[in-house]
């Protein structure tokens, strides 16, 4: 089993459409997403999905110049995790 993953909206949409959202929990120990992605998804996520806010808002704002808010938040959060370890 892999450690953790930061999920974007498309991952949640595709897996929920085929009724297999639980695959994430079977493959990863920790599933993390952002409030922006939760809002884009528009549905309630299982309690095993951790919602974590990005602390480096500047990095996210720079990314938003090129990609949408959900993707920006996921990448910014991933970069924070990378530098935290």
N, C-alpha and C. Protein backbone atom coordinates (compact mmCIF):
# COMPACT_ATOMS: atom_id res chain seq x y z
N UNK A 1 0.84 -1.18 0.00
CA UNK A 1 0.00 0.00 0.00
C UNK A 1 0.89 1.24 0.00
N UNK A 2 0.56 2.19 -0.84
CA UNK A 2 1.32 3.42 -0.95
C UNK A 2 0.96 4.38 0.18
N UNK A 3 1.86 5.30 0.49
CA UNK A 3 1.68 6.21 1.62
C UNK A 3 0.47 7.13 1.48
N UNK A 4 0.60 8.15 0.62
CA UNK A 4 -0.47 9.13 0.52
C UNK A 4 -0.56 9.70 -0.89
N UNK A 5 -1.68 10.36 -1.13
CA UNK A 5 -1.93 10.98 -2.43
C UNK A 5 -2.72 12.26 -2.21
N UNK A 6 -2.45 13.24 -3.04
CA UNK A 6 -3.26 14.46 -3.07
C UNK A 6 -4.13 14.35 -4.31
N UNK A 7 -5.43 14.29 -4.10
CA UNK A 7 -6.37 14.07 -5.20
C UNK A 7 -6.94 15.38 -5.73
N UNK A 8 -7.09 15.41 -7.04
CA UNK A 8 -7.72 16.52 -7.73
C UNK A 8 -9.19 16.14 -8.00
N UNK A 9 -9.95 17.10 -8.43
CA UNK A 9 -11.38 16.91 -8.66
C UNK A 9 -11.66 15.79 -9.65
N UNK A 10 -10.92 15.73 -10.73
CA UNK A 10 -11.19 14.72 -11.77
C UNK A 10 -11.09 13.30 -11.23
N UNK A 11 -10.18 13.06 -10.32
CA UNK A 11 -10.03 11.75 -9.70
C UNK A 11 -11.31 11.38 -8.95
N UNK A 12 -11.81 12.31 -8.15
CA UNK A 12 -13.04 12.06 -7.41
C UNK A 12 -14.24 11.88 -8.34
N UNK A 13 -14.32 12.69 -9.38
CA UNK A 13 -15.45 12.61 -10.31
C UNK A 13 -15.48 11.27 -11.02
N UNK A 14 -14.36 10.87 -11.59
CA UNK A 14 -14.31 9.63 -12.36
C UNK A 14 -14.61 8.42 -11.47
N UNK A 15 -13.96 8.35 -10.33
CA UNK A 15 -14.17 7.20 -9.45
C UNK A 15 -15.58 7.15 -8.88
N UNK A 16 -16.16 8.30 -8.58
CA UNK A 16 -17.53 8.30 -8.06
C UNK A 16 -18.53 7.92 -9.15
N UNK A 17 -18.27 8.31 -10.39
CA UNK A 17 -19.17 7.95 -11.50
C UNK A 17 -19.25 6.44 -11.71
N UNK A 18 -18.15 5.75 -11.47
CA UNK A 18 -18.16 4.30 -11.65
C UNK A 18 -18.38 3.56 -10.32
N UNK A 19 -18.67 4.32 -9.27
CA UNK A 19 -18.96 3.72 -7.97
C UNK A 19 -17.76 3.08 -7.29
N UNK A 20 -16.58 3.61 -7.56
CA UNK A 20 -15.35 3.02 -7.02
C UNK A 20 -14.46 4.01 -6.26
N UNK A 21 -15.05 4.98 -5.60
CA UNK A 21 -14.30 5.95 -4.83
C UNK A 21 -13.45 5.27 -3.75
N UNK A 22 -13.93 4.13 -3.26
CA UNK A 22 -13.22 3.40 -2.20
C UNK A 22 -11.89 2.83 -2.66
N UNK A 23 -11.65 2.77 -3.98
CA UNK A 23 -10.36 2.30 -4.47
C UNK A 23 -9.21 3.14 -3.92
N UNK A 24 -9.45 4.42 -3.77
CA UNK A 24 -8.41 5.30 -3.22
C UNK A 24 -7.98 4.83 -1.84
N UNK A 25 -8.95 4.50 -1.02
CA UNK A 25 -8.66 4.05 0.34
C UNK A 25 -7.96 2.69 0.35
N UNK A 26 -8.25 1.87 -0.63
CA UNK A 26 -7.62 0.55 -0.71
C UNK A 26 -6.17 0.64 -1.17
N UNK A 27 -5.84 1.67 -1.93
CA UNK A 27 -4.50 1.80 -2.50
C UNK A 27 -3.59 2.68 -1.65
N UNK A 28 -4.16 3.70 -1.03
CA UNK A 28 -3.35 4.68 -0.29
C UNK A 28 -3.71 4.70 1.19
N UNK A 29 -2.72 4.95 2.03
CA UNK A 29 -2.97 5.08 3.47
C UNK A 29 -3.69 6.38 3.79
N UNK A 30 -3.35 7.43 3.04
CA UNK A 30 -3.88 8.76 3.33
C UNK A 30 -4.27 9.44 2.02
N UNK A 31 -5.50 9.92 1.95
CA UNK A 31 -5.99 10.65 0.79
C UNK A 31 -6.25 12.08 1.24
N UNK A 32 -5.60 13.01 0.55
CA UNK A 32 -5.67 14.42 0.94
C UNK A 32 -6.22 15.22 -0.24
N UNK A 33 -7.01 16.22 0.07
CA UNK A 33 -7.48 17.15 -0.95
C UNK A 33 -7.61 18.54 -0.31
N UNK A 34 -7.98 19.51 -1.10
CA UNK A 34 -8.09 20.88 -0.61
C UNK A 34 -9.55 21.33 -0.58
N UNK A 35 -9.86 22.37 0.16
CA UNK A 35 -11.23 22.91 0.17
C UNK A 35 -11.69 23.33 -1.24
N UNK A 36 -10.77 23.83 -2.06
CA UNK A 36 -11.12 24.24 -3.42
C UNK A 36 -11.57 23.04 -4.26
N UNK A 37 -10.89 21.93 -4.08
CA UNK A 37 -11.25 20.72 -4.83
C UNK A 37 -12.58 20.18 -4.31
N UNK A 38 -12.78 20.20 -3.02
CA UNK A 38 -14.05 19.77 -2.44
C UNK A 38 -15.19 20.60 -3.02
N UNK A 39 -14.98 21.90 -3.12
CA UNK A 39 -16.01 22.79 -3.68
C UNK A 39 -16.27 22.46 -5.15
N UNK A 40 -15.22 22.24 -5.92
CA UNK A 40 -15.38 21.88 -7.34
C UNK A 40 -16.13 20.56 -7.49
N UNK A 41 -15.81 19.60 -6.64
CA UNK A 41 -16.46 18.28 -6.70
C UNK A 41 -17.95 18.42 -6.42
N UNK A 42 -18.30 19.24 -5.46
CA UNK A 42 -19.70 19.55 -5.21
C UNK A 42 -20.49 18.49 -4.49
N UNK A 43 -19.85 17.45 -4.01
CA UNK A 43 -20.52 16.40 -3.27
C UNK A 43 -19.75 16.15 -1.99
N UNK A 44 -20.39 15.47 -1.09
CA UNK A 44 -19.73 15.12 0.17
C UNK A 44 -18.70 14.02 -0.09
N UNK A 45 -17.53 14.19 0.51
CA UNK A 45 -16.49 13.17 0.41
C UNK A 45 -16.51 12.30 1.65
N UNK A 46 -16.05 11.06 1.53
CA UNK A 46 -16.00 10.18 2.70
C UNK A 46 -15.11 10.78 3.80
N UNK A 47 -15.36 10.39 5.03
CA UNK A 47 -14.60 10.94 6.16
C UNK A 47 -13.13 10.56 6.12
N UNK A 48 -12.76 9.55 5.36
CA UNK A 48 -11.35 9.16 5.28
C UNK A 48 -10.54 10.04 4.34
N UNK A 49 -11.19 10.99 3.68
CA UNK A 49 -10.47 11.98 2.85
C UNK A 49 -10.15 13.18 3.74
N UNK A 50 -8.88 13.50 3.86
CA UNK A 50 -8.45 14.63 4.69
C UNK A 50 -8.48 15.92 3.85
N UNK A 51 -9.12 16.94 4.38
CA UNK A 51 -9.18 18.24 3.71
C UNK A 51 -8.11 19.12 4.36
N UNK A 52 -7.18 19.60 3.54
CA UNK A 52 -6.07 20.41 4.06
C UNK A 52 -5.93 21.68 3.21
N UNK A 53 -5.82 22.81 3.89
CA UNK A 53 -5.66 24.09 3.19
C UNK A 53 -4.21 24.34 2.84
N UNK A 54 -4.01 25.01 1.74
CA UNK A 54 -2.68 25.43 1.32
C UNK A 54 -2.25 26.58 2.22
N UNK A 55 -1.00 26.55 2.69
CA UNK A 55 -0.52 27.66 3.52
C UNK A 55 0.22 28.71 2.71
N UNK A 56 0.76 28.31 1.55
CA UNK A 56 1.48 29.25 0.68
C UNK A 56 0.52 29.77 -0.39
N UNK A 57 -0.29 30.76 0.00
CA UNK A 57 -1.29 31.30 -0.93
C UNK A 57 -0.66 31.98 -2.13
N UNK A 58 0.52 32.54 -1.96
CA UNK A 58 1.19 33.21 -3.07
C UNK A 58 1.50 32.21 -4.19
N UNK A 59 2.05 31.07 -3.82
CA UNK A 59 2.36 30.04 -4.82
C UNK A 59 1.09 29.60 -5.55
N UNK A 60 0.01 29.44 -4.80
CA UNK A 60 -1.26 29.03 -5.42
C UNK A 60 -1.75 30.12 -6.39
N UNK A 61 -1.64 31.37 -6.01
CA UNK A 61 -2.09 32.47 -6.88
C UNK A 61 -1.28 32.51 -8.18
N UNK A 62 0.02 32.27 -8.09
CA UNK A 62 0.86 32.23 -9.29
C UNK A 62 0.40 31.10 -10.21
N UNK A 63 0.13 29.94 -9.63
CA UNK A 63 -0.34 28.80 -10.43
C UNK A 63 -1.70 29.08 -11.08
N UNK A 64 -2.55 29.82 -10.37
CA UNK A 64 -3.89 30.14 -10.90
C UNK A 64 -3.84 31.01 -12.15
N UNK A 65 -2.71 31.60 -12.45
CA UNK A 65 -2.58 32.37 -13.68
C UNK A 65 -2.58 31.46 -14.90
N UNK A 66 -2.29 30.18 -14.69
CA UNK A 66 -2.20 29.23 -15.80
C UNK A 66 -3.24 28.11 -15.74
N UNK A 67 -3.63 27.71 -14.55
CA UNK A 67 -4.56 26.58 -14.40
C UNK A 67 -5.65 26.94 -13.40
N UNK A 68 -6.68 26.10 -13.31
CA UNK A 68 -7.81 26.45 -12.45
C UNK A 68 -7.47 26.36 -10.97
N UNK A 69 -8.39 26.85 -10.16
CA UNK A 69 -8.16 26.97 -8.72
C UNK A 69 -7.94 25.62 -8.04
N UNK A 70 -8.71 24.61 -8.43
CA UNK A 70 -8.56 23.29 -7.82
C UNK A 70 -7.20 22.68 -8.11
N UNK A 71 -6.83 22.70 -9.39
CA UNK A 71 -5.51 22.16 -9.76
C UNK A 71 -4.38 22.95 -9.09
N UNK A 72 -4.54 24.26 -9.04
CA UNK A 72 -3.53 25.11 -8.39
C UNK A 72 -3.37 24.75 -6.93
N UNK A 73 -4.48 24.52 -6.25
CA UNK A 73 -4.41 24.19 -4.83
C UNK A 73 -3.76 22.83 -4.62
N UNK A 74 -4.05 21.87 -5.49
CA UNK A 74 -3.46 20.54 -5.36
C UNK A 74 -1.94 20.59 -5.57
N UNK A 75 -1.50 21.32 -6.57
CA UNK A 75 -0.06 21.42 -6.86
C UNK A 75 0.65 22.19 -5.74
N UNK A 76 0.05 23.29 -5.30
CA UNK A 76 0.66 24.07 -4.21
C UNK A 76 0.77 23.24 -2.94
N UNK A 77 -0.26 22.45 -2.65
CA UNK A 77 -0.22 21.59 -1.46
C UNK A 77 0.85 20.51 -1.62
N UNK A 78 0.95 19.94 -2.80
CA UNK A 78 1.97 18.92 -3.04
C UNK A 78 3.37 19.50 -2.87
N UNK A 79 3.58 20.72 -3.33
CA UNK A 79 4.87 21.36 -3.16
C UNK A 79 5.18 21.63 -1.68
N UNK A 80 4.16 21.95 -0.91
CA UNK A 80 4.35 22.14 0.53
C UNK A 80 4.74 20.82 1.20
N UNK A 81 4.11 19.74 0.81
CA UNK A 81 4.43 18.43 1.38
C UNK A 81 5.85 18.04 1.01
N UNK A 82 6.24 18.32 -0.20
CA UNK A 82 7.58 17.97 -0.66
C UNK A 82 8.64 18.69 0.15
N UNK A 83 8.41 19.94 0.47
CA UNK A 83 9.40 20.70 1.22
C UNK A 83 9.31 20.44 2.72
N UNK A 84 8.23 19.83 3.18
CA UNK A 84 8.07 19.57 4.60
C UNK A 84 8.84 18.35 5.07
N UNK A 85 9.28 17.51 4.14
CA UNK A 85 9.96 16.27 4.53
C UNK A 85 11.40 16.25 4.11
